[in-house]
Amino acid sequence: MLSFMVWLLVLFLCWPLALLALVLWPLAWLVTLPFRLIGITFDAMFELLRAIVMLPARILGSAPGR
């Protein structure tokens, strides 16, 4: 909601800039999409690595925080 209000303010003050932002925002989102997917993949990979490393402790019954 706040971003919409800021966009309306920019539209009122400088409408060409607001219209340019409206057109370019989906393009910027498409450009950053591969980087987001790479980030999700690396996050999942590190979680899997953490789970594998912590498996012996979980099997032996070590509780976190003890």
PDB file of N, CA and C in Angstrom:
ATOM      1  N   MET A   1       0.830  -1.191   0.000  1.00  0.00           N
ATOM      2  CA  MET A   1       0.000   0.000   0.000  1.00  0.00           C
ATOM      3  C   MET A   1       0.872   1.253   0.000  1.00  0.00           C
ATOM      4  N   LEU A   2       1.966   1.194   0.777  1.00  0.00           N
ATOM      5  CA  LEU A   2       2.860   2.347   0.838  1.00  0.00           C
ATOM      6  C   LEU A   2       3.520   2.595  -0.515  1.00  0.00           C
ATOM      7  N   SER A   3       3.907   1.520  -1.190  1.00  0.00           N
ATOM      8  CA  SER A   3       4.542   1.703  -2.500  1.00  0.00           C
ATOM      9  C   SER A   3       3.558   2.316  -3.498  1.00  0.00           C
ATOM     10  N   PHE A   4       2.290   1.967  -3.379  1.00  0.00           N
ATOM     11  CA  PHE A   4       1.282   2.556  -4.260  1.00  0.00           C
ATOM     12  C   PHE A   4       1.123   4.050  -3.976  1.00  0.00           C
ATOM     13  N   MET A   5       1.154   4.426  -2.703  1.00  0.00           N
ATOM     14  CA  MET A   5       1.030   5.838  -2.340  1.00  0.00           C
ATOM     15  C   MET A   5       2.255   6.628  -2.833  1.00  0.00           C
ATOM     16  N   VAL A   6       3.432   6.025  -2.734  1.00  0.00           N
ATOM     17  CA  VAL A   6       4.644   6.689  -3.240  1.00  0.00           C
ATOM     18  C   VAL A   6       4.546   6.834  -4.755  1.00  0.00           C
ATOM     19  N   TRP A   7       4.041   5.812  -5.422  1.00  0.00           N
ATOM     20  CA  TRP A   7       3.900   5.900  -6.875  1.00  0.00           C
ATOM     21  C   TRP A   7       2.905   7.011  -7.245  1.00  0.00           C
ATOM     22  N   LEU A   8       1.821   7.130  -6.488  1.00  0.00           N
ATOM     23  CA  LEU A   8       0.859   8.205  -6.761  1.00  0.00           C
ATOM     24  C   LEU A   8       1.491   9.584  -6.540  1.00  0.00           C
ATOM     25  N   LEU A   9       2.335   9.701  -5.519  1.00  0.00           N
ATOM     26  CA  LEU A   9       3.024  10.967  -5.270  1.00  0.00           C
ATOM     27  C   LEU A   9       3.970  11.293  -6.428  1.00  0.00           C
ATOM     28  N   VAL A  10       4.710  10.301  -6.880  1.00  0.00           N
ATOM     29  CA  VAL A  10       5.603  10.524  -8.021  1.00  0.00           C
ATOM     30  C   VAL A  10       4.788  10.835  -9.273  1.00  0.00           C
ATOM     31  N   LEU A  11       3.661  10.176  -9.429  1.00  0.00           N
ATOM     32  CA  LEU A  11       2.787  10.464 -10.574  1.00  0.00           C
ATOM     33  C   LEU A  11       2.308  11.905 -10.543  1.00  0.00           C
ATOM     34  N   PHE A  12       1.969  12.401  -9.368  1.00  0.00           N
ATOM     35  CA  PHE A  12       1.500  13.780  -9.238  1.00  0.00           C
ATOM     36  C   PHE A  12       2.627  14.777  -9.483  1.00  0.00           C
ATOM     37  N   LEU A  13       3.821  14.478  -8.961  1.00  0.00           N
ATOM     38  CA  LEU A  13       4.929  15.425  -9.073  1.00  0.00           C
ATOM     39  C   LEU A  13       5.638  15.340 -10.421  1.00  0.00           C
ATOM     40  N   CYS A  14       5.837  14.136 -10.906  1.00  0.00           N
ATOM     41  CA  CYS A  14       6.596  13.971 -12.149  1.00  0.00           C
ATOM     42  C   CYS A  14       6.030  12.768 -12.896  1.00  0.00           C
ATOM     43  N   TRP A  15       4.976  12.977 -13.650  1.00  0.00           N
ATOM     44  CA  TRP A  15       4.272  11.861 -14.274  1.00  0.00           C
ATOM     45  C   TRP A  15       5.101  11.095 -15.304  1.00  0.00           C
ATOM     46  N   PRO A  16       6.033  11.695 -16.064  1.00  0.00           N
ATOM     47  CA  PRO A  16       6.823  10.861 -16.974  1.00  0.00           C
ATOM     48  C   PRO A  16       7.701   9.846 -16.229  1.00  0.00           C
ATOM     49  N   LEU A  17       8.275  10.268 -15.091  1.00  0.00           N
ATOM     50  CA  LEU A  17       9.087   9.355 -14.307  1.00  0.00           C
ATOM     51  C   LEU A  17       8.247   8.214 -13.744  1.00  0.00           C
ATOM     52  N   ALA A  18       7.036   8.526 -13.307  1.00  0.00           N
ATOM     53  CA  ALA A  18       6.154   7.490 -12.768  1.00  0.00           C
ATOM     54  C   ALA A  18       5.755   6.493 -13.853  1.00  0.00           C
ATOM     55  N   LEU A  19       5.462   6.977 -15.027  1.00  0.00           N
ATOM     56  CA  LEU A  19       5.093   6.073 -16.117  1.00  0.00           C
ATOM     57  C   LEU A  19       6.288   5.240 -16.572  1.00  0.00           C
ATOM     58  N   LEU A  20       7.473   5.833 -16.562  1.00  0.00           N
ATOM     59  CA  LEU A  20       8.682   5.079 -16.902  1.00  0.00           C
ATOM     60  C   LEU A  20       8.933   3.979 -15.876  1.00  0.00           C
ATOM     61  N   ALA A  21       8.748   4.302 -14.599  1.00  0.00           N
ATOM     62  CA  ALA A  21       8.917   3.293 -13.550  1.00  0.00           C
ATOM     63  C   ALA A  21       7.883   2.184 -13.693  1.00  0.00           C
ATOM     64  N   LEU A  22       6.675   2.549 -14.068  1.00  0.00           N
ATOM     65  CA  LEU A  22       5.610   1.564 -14.245  1.00  0.00           C
ATOM     66  C   LEU A  22       5.934   0.598 -15.384  1.00  0.00           C
ATOM     67  N   VAL A  23       6.568   1.097 -16.425  1.00  0.00           N
ATOM     68  CA  VAL A  23       6.920   0.259 -17.568  1.00  0.00           C
ATOM     69  C   VAL A  23       8.171  -0.572 -17.287  1.00  0.00           C
ATOM     70  N   LEU A  24       9.153   0.012 -16.592  1.00  0.00           N
ATOM     71  CA  LEU A  24      10.429  -0.666 -16.390  1.00  0.00           C
ATOM     72  C   LEU A  24      10.425  -1.654 -15.226  1.00  0.00           C
ATOM     73  N   TRP A  25       9.489  -1.528 -14.288  1.00  0.00           N
ATOM     74  CA  TRP A  25       9.487  -2.426 -13.124  1.00  0.00           C
ATOM     75  C   TRP A  25       9.353  -3.901 -13.525  1.00  0.00           C
ATOM     76  N   PRO A  26       8.429  -4.285 -14.413  1.00  0.00           N
ATOM     77  CA  PRO A  26       8.369  -5.700 -14.815  1.00  0.00           C
ATOM     78  C   PRO A  26       9.640  -6.163 -15.523  1.00  0.00           C
ATOM     79  N   LEU A  27      10.273  -5.294 -16.284  1.00  0.00           N
ATOM     80  CA  LEU A  27      11.514  -5.675 -16.949  1.00  0.00           C
ATOM     81  C   LEU A  27      12.633  -5.898 -15.926  1.00  0.00           C
ATOM     82  N   ALA A  28      12.708  -5.039 -14.924  1.00  0.00           N
ATOM     83  CA  ALA A  28      13.715  -5.220 -13.873  1.00  0.00           C
ATOM     84  C   ALA A  28      13.445  -6.510 -13.104  1.00  0.00           C
ATOM     85  N   TRP A  29      12.186  -6.824 -12.865  1.00  0.00           N
ATOM     86  CA  TRP A  29      11.831  -8.062 -12.169  1.00  0.00           C
ATOM     87  C   TRP A  29      12.268  -9.280 -12.984  1.00  0.00           C
ATOM     88  N   LEU A  30      12.073  -9.220 -14.290  1.00  0.00           N
ATOM     89  CA  LEU A  30      12.491 -10.328 -15.156  1.00  0.00           C
ATOM     90  C   LEU A  30      14.004 -10.483 -15.195  1.00  0.00           C
ATOM     91  N   VAL A  31      14.730  -9.379 -15.145  1.00  0.00           N
ATOM     92  CA  VAL A  31      16.194  -9.450 -15.163  1.00  0.00           C
ATOM     93  C   VAL A  31      16.716 -10.057 -13.872  1.00  0.00           C
ATOM     94  N   THR A  32      16.098  -9.737 -12.726  1.00  0.00           N
ATOM     95  CA  THR A  32      16.586 -10.254 -11.445  1.00  0.00           C
ATOM     96  C   THR A  32      16.080 -11.660 -11.138  1.00  0.00           C
ATOM     97  N   LEU A  33      15.146 -12.172 -11.895  1.00  0.00           N
ATOM     98  CA  LEU A  33      14.582 -13.494 -11.625  1.00  0.00           C
ATOM     99  C   LEU A  33      15.622 -14.617 -11.634  1.00  0.00           C
ATOM    100  N   PRO A  34      16.539 -14.687 -12.593  1.00  0.00           N
ATOM    101  CA  PRO A  34      17.555 -15.756 -12.533  1.00  0.00           C
ATOM    102  C   PRO A  34      18.417 -15.687 -11.278  1.00  0.00           C
ATOM    103  N   PHE A  35      18.735 -14.473 -10.820  1.00  0.00           N
ATOM    104  CA  PHE A  35      19.537 -14.339  -9.608  1.00  0.00           C
ATOM    105  C   PHE A  35      18.773 -14.823  -8.384  1.00  0.00           C
ATOM    106  N   ARG A  36      17.483 -14.594  -8.355  1.00  0.00           N
ATOM    107  CA  ARG A  36      16.663 -15.100  -7.251  1.00  0.00           C
ATOM    108  C   ARG A  36      16.622 -16.627  -7.263  1.00  0.00           C
ATOM    109  N   LEU A  37      16.498 -17.213  -8.442  1.00  0.00           N
ATOM    110  CA  LEU A  37      16.482 -18.670  -8.547  1.00  0.00           C
ATOM    111  C   LEU A  37      17.821 -19.269  -8.129  1.00  0.00           C
ATOM    112  N   ILE A  38      18.914 -18.614  -8.491  1.00  0.00           N
ATOM    113  CA  ILE A  38      20.232 -19.082  -8.055  1.00  0.00           C
ATOM    114  C   ILE A  38      20.339 -18.988  -6.540  1.00  0.00           C
ATOM    115  N   GLY A  39      19.830 -17.923  -5.956  1.00  0.00           N
ATOM    116  CA  GLY A  39      19.848 -17.767  -4.505  1.00  0.00           C
ATOM    117  C   GLY A  39      19.050 -18.843  -3.799  1.00  0.00           C
ATOM    118  N   ILE A  40      17.889 -19.175  -4.324  1.00  0.00           N
ATOM    119  CA  ILE A  40      17.059 -20.229  -3.741  1.00  0.00           C
ATOM    120  C   ILE A  40      17.786 -21.572  -3.831  1.00  0.00           C
ATOM    121  N   THR A  41      18.445 -21.821  -4.969  1.00  0.00           N
ATOM    122  CA  THR A  41      19.179 -23.074  -5.152  1.00  0.00           C
ATOM    123  C   THR A  41      20.338 -23.191  -4.167  1.00  0.00           C
ATOM    124  N   PHE A  42      21.112 -22.122  -4.007  1.00  0.00           N
ATOM    125  CA  PHE A  42      22.230 -22.156  -3.061  1.00  0.00           C
ATOM    126  C   PHE A  42      21.745 -22.306  -1.630  1.00  0.00           C
ATOM    127  N   ASP A  43      20.639 -21.652  -1.292  1.00  0.00           N
ATOM    128  CA  ASP A  43      20.082 -21.780   0.053  1.00  0.00           C
ATOM    129  C   ASP A  43      19.680 -23.226   0.328  1.00  0.00           C
ATOM    130  N   ALA A  44      19.035 -23.857  -0.636  1.00  0.00           N
ATOM    131  CA  ALA A  44      18.638 -25.258  -0.473  1.00  0.00           C
ATOM    132  C   ALA A  44      19.860 -26.171  -0.383  1.00  0.00           C
ATOM    133  N   MET A  45      20.889 -25.878  -1.167  1.00  0.00           N
ATOM    134  CA  MET A  45      22.093 -26.694  -1.138  1.00  0.00           C
ATOM    135  C   MET A  45      22.786 -26.602   0.224  1.00  0.00           C
ATOM    136  N   PHE A  46      22.883 -25.397   0.778  1.00  0.00           N
ATOM    137  CA  PHE A  46      23.517 -25.239   2.091  1.00  0.00           C
ATOM    138  C   PHE A  46      22.675 -25.850   3.205  1.00  0.00           C
ATOM    139  N   GLU A  47      21.351 -25.815   3.092  1.00  0.00           N
ATOM    140  CA  GLU A  47      20.494 -26.481   4.083  1.00  0.00           C
ATOM    141  C   GLU A  47      20.689 -27.989   4.040  1.00  0.00           C
ATOM    142  N   LEU A  48      20.806 -28.546   2.833  1.00  0.00           N
ATOM    143  CA  LEU A  48      21.051 -29.974   2.699  1.00  0.00           C
ATOM    144  C   LEU A  48      22.412 -30.341   3.283  1.00  0.00           C
ATOM    145  N   LEU A  49      23.430 -29.545   2.997  1.00  0.00           N
ATOM    146  CA  LEU A  49      24.761 -29.791   3.556  1.00  0.00           C
ATOM    147  C   LEU A  49      24.737 -29.715   5.077  1.00  0.00           C
ATOM    148  N   ARG A  50      24.025 -28.752   5.628  1.00  0.00           N
ATOM    149  CA  ARG A  50      23.903 -28.625   7.079  1.00  0.00           C
ATOM    150  C   ARG A  50      23.194 -29.835   7.664  1.00  0.00           C
ATOM    151  N   ALA A  51      22.150 -30.297   7.010  1.00  0.00           N
ATOM    152  CA  ALA A  51      21.420 -31.469   7.498  1.00  0.00           C
ATOM    153  C   ALA A  51      22.304 -32.715   7.476  1.00  0.00           C
ATOM    154  N   ILE A  52      23.127 -32.854   6.440  1.00  0.00           N
ATOM    155  CA  ILE A  52      24.020 -34.014   6.350  1.00  0.00           C
ATOM    156  C   ILE A  52      25.079 -33.963   7.441  1.00  0.00           C
ATOM    157  N   VAL A  53      25.641 -32.773   7.687  1.00  0.00           N
ATOM    158  CA  VAL A  53      26.679 -32.633   8.706  1.00  0.00           C
ATOM    159  C   VAL A  53      26.099 -32.860  10.101  1.00  0.00           C
ATOM    160  N   MET A  54      24.886 -32.409  10.352  1.00  0.00           N
ATOM    161  CA  MET A  54      24.282 -32.528  11.677  1.00  0.00           C
ATOM    162  C   MET A  54      23.609 -33.878  11.909  1.00  0.00           C
ATOM    163  N   LEU A  55      23.553 -34.746  10.899  1.00  0.00           N
ATOM    164  CA  LEU A  55      22.864 -36.031  11.033  1.00  0.00           C
ATOM    165  C   LEU A  55      23.440 -36.907  12.143  1.00  0.00           C
ATOM    166  N   PRO A  56      24.762 -37.055  12.263  1.00  0.00           N
ATOM    167  CA  PRO A  56      25.263 -37.895  13.360  1.00  0.00           C
ATOM    168  C   PRO A  56      24.836 -37.389  14.739  1.00  0.00           C
ATOM    169  N   ALA A  57      24.830 -36.098  14.940  1.00  0.00           N
ATOM    170  CA  ALA A  57      24.412 -35.552  16.227  1.00  0.00           C
ATOM    171  C   ALA A  57      22.930 -35.824  16.475  1.00  0.00           C
ATOM    172  N   ARG A  58      22.141 -35.751  15.440  1.00  0.00           N
ATOM    173  CA  ARG A  58      20.705 -36.026  15.610  1.00  0.00           C
ATOM    174  C   ARG A  58      20.465 -37.503  15.893  1.00  0.00           C
ATOM    175  N   ILE A  59      21.244 -38.365  15.266  1.00  0.00           N
ATOM    176  CA  ILE A  59      21.081 -39.799  15.492  1.00  0.00           C
ATOM    177  C   ILE A  59      21.478 -40.162  16.926  1.00  0.00           C
ATOM    178  N   LEU A  60      22.538 -39.540  17.439  1.00  0.00           N
ATOM    179  CA  LEU A  60      22.995 -39.823  18.790  1.00  0.00           C
ATOM    180  C   LEU A  60      22.114 -39.160  19.859  1.00  0.00           C
ATOM    181  N   GLY A  61      21.183 -38.343  19.451  1.00  0.00           N
ATOM    182  CA  GLY A  61      20.220 -37.785  20.405  1.00  0.00           C
ATOM    183  C   GLY A  61      20.637 -36.476  21.027  1.00  0.00           C
ATOM    184  N   SER A  62      21.541 -35.775  20.417  1.00  0.00           N
ATOM    185  CA  SER A  62      21.949 -34.483  20.954  1.00  0.00           C
ATOM    186  C   SER A  62      20.868 -33.458  20.667  1.00  0.00           C
ATOM    187  N   ALA A  63      20.436 -32.792  21.717  1.00  0.00           N
ATOM    188  CA  ALA A  63      19.407 -31.764  21.555  1.00  0.00           C
ATOM    189  C   ALA A  63      20.084 -30.411  21.334  1.00  0.00           C
ATOM    190  N   PRO A  64      19.543 -29.569  20.473  1.00  0.00           N
ATOM    191  CA  PRO A  64      20.141 -28.254  20.273  1.00  0.00           C
ATOM    192  C   PRO A  64      19.996 -27.408  21.545  1.00  0.00           C
ATOM    193  N   GLY A  65      21.043 -26.680  21.884  1.00  0.00           N
ATOM    194  CA  GLY A  65      20.991 -25.795  23.037  1.00  0.00           C
ATOM    195  C   GLY A  65      21.439 -26.447  24.325  1.00  0.00           C
ATOM    196  N   ARG A  66      21.847 -27.675  24.318  1.00  0.00           N
ATOM    197  CA  ARG A  66      22.303 -28.345  25.543  1.00  0.00           C
ATOM    198  C   ARG A  66      23.723 -28.020  25.856  1.00  0.00           C
TER     199      ARG A  66
END
